[in-house]
């Protein structure tokens, strides 16, 4: 919701302790935070006395603006609106536009499984669950490409001819695909390589999709990687321009 670099500007505005604590909960990536994490974030943003504050007491008296869950403190819907009022233009706003574009692509998808992936990606994106949005939007895009290969006359044969020959000497030779699920034999990077070889995508598109795949891998495994709305927006825009707009 709030880029981390905006924290020092907001915490220096003479706000109440309650509002400062709520702002710390709104910093990307948004999610439950332990008191120790809130204090560390506040201290790094210039609220030096936060380490001595009773943060749980402050948030507990926030009148429904924050809730304590089993994973820590997090903003409620009312709390999110309250912080947005305080932060104004510092609140990231690329989500509505890109989510709208993704919804347009959604109307063109006929496969039920693919549509479900994209619907979940939109929900995660609008809810600022950015790592999940990256993973699900990528899965949806790959599903679109798989369906395109299967449903386009002559394309599945071309794919099988190249893939069978290309991976004949690998540890797990590719067996000619008959349906979209059969592509799971291949790593997604190898799937993109075959698509380029048979002319479904060109070299530049493959490079952009490879970058999207790398981000998906960073977001899909347990690690300390974090990202904000601008990075996710660029990822989804690339998928819209290079996959959803062309193959749905």
Foldseek 3Di string as FASTA:
>chain_A
DFELVCLLVLVPPPDDPLLNLLVLCVYPPHDFDALVSSLVSSCVSPVVCSVVDPSCVSPVPSVQQWDQDPRHIHGDPVVVVVNCVSCPPRDDDPLPVLLVLLVVLLVVDDDPVLSVLSVVLSVCSVVSVQLSNLQSLLVSLLLLVLVLQQPDPPSLVQLQVVQQVVQVPPPQHQDRDNHSVSCVSDDVLVVLVSCCVSPVDHPVLSVLSVVSVVSNVVSVDDDDDGDGSVVSSVSSVSSSVRGSVPRD
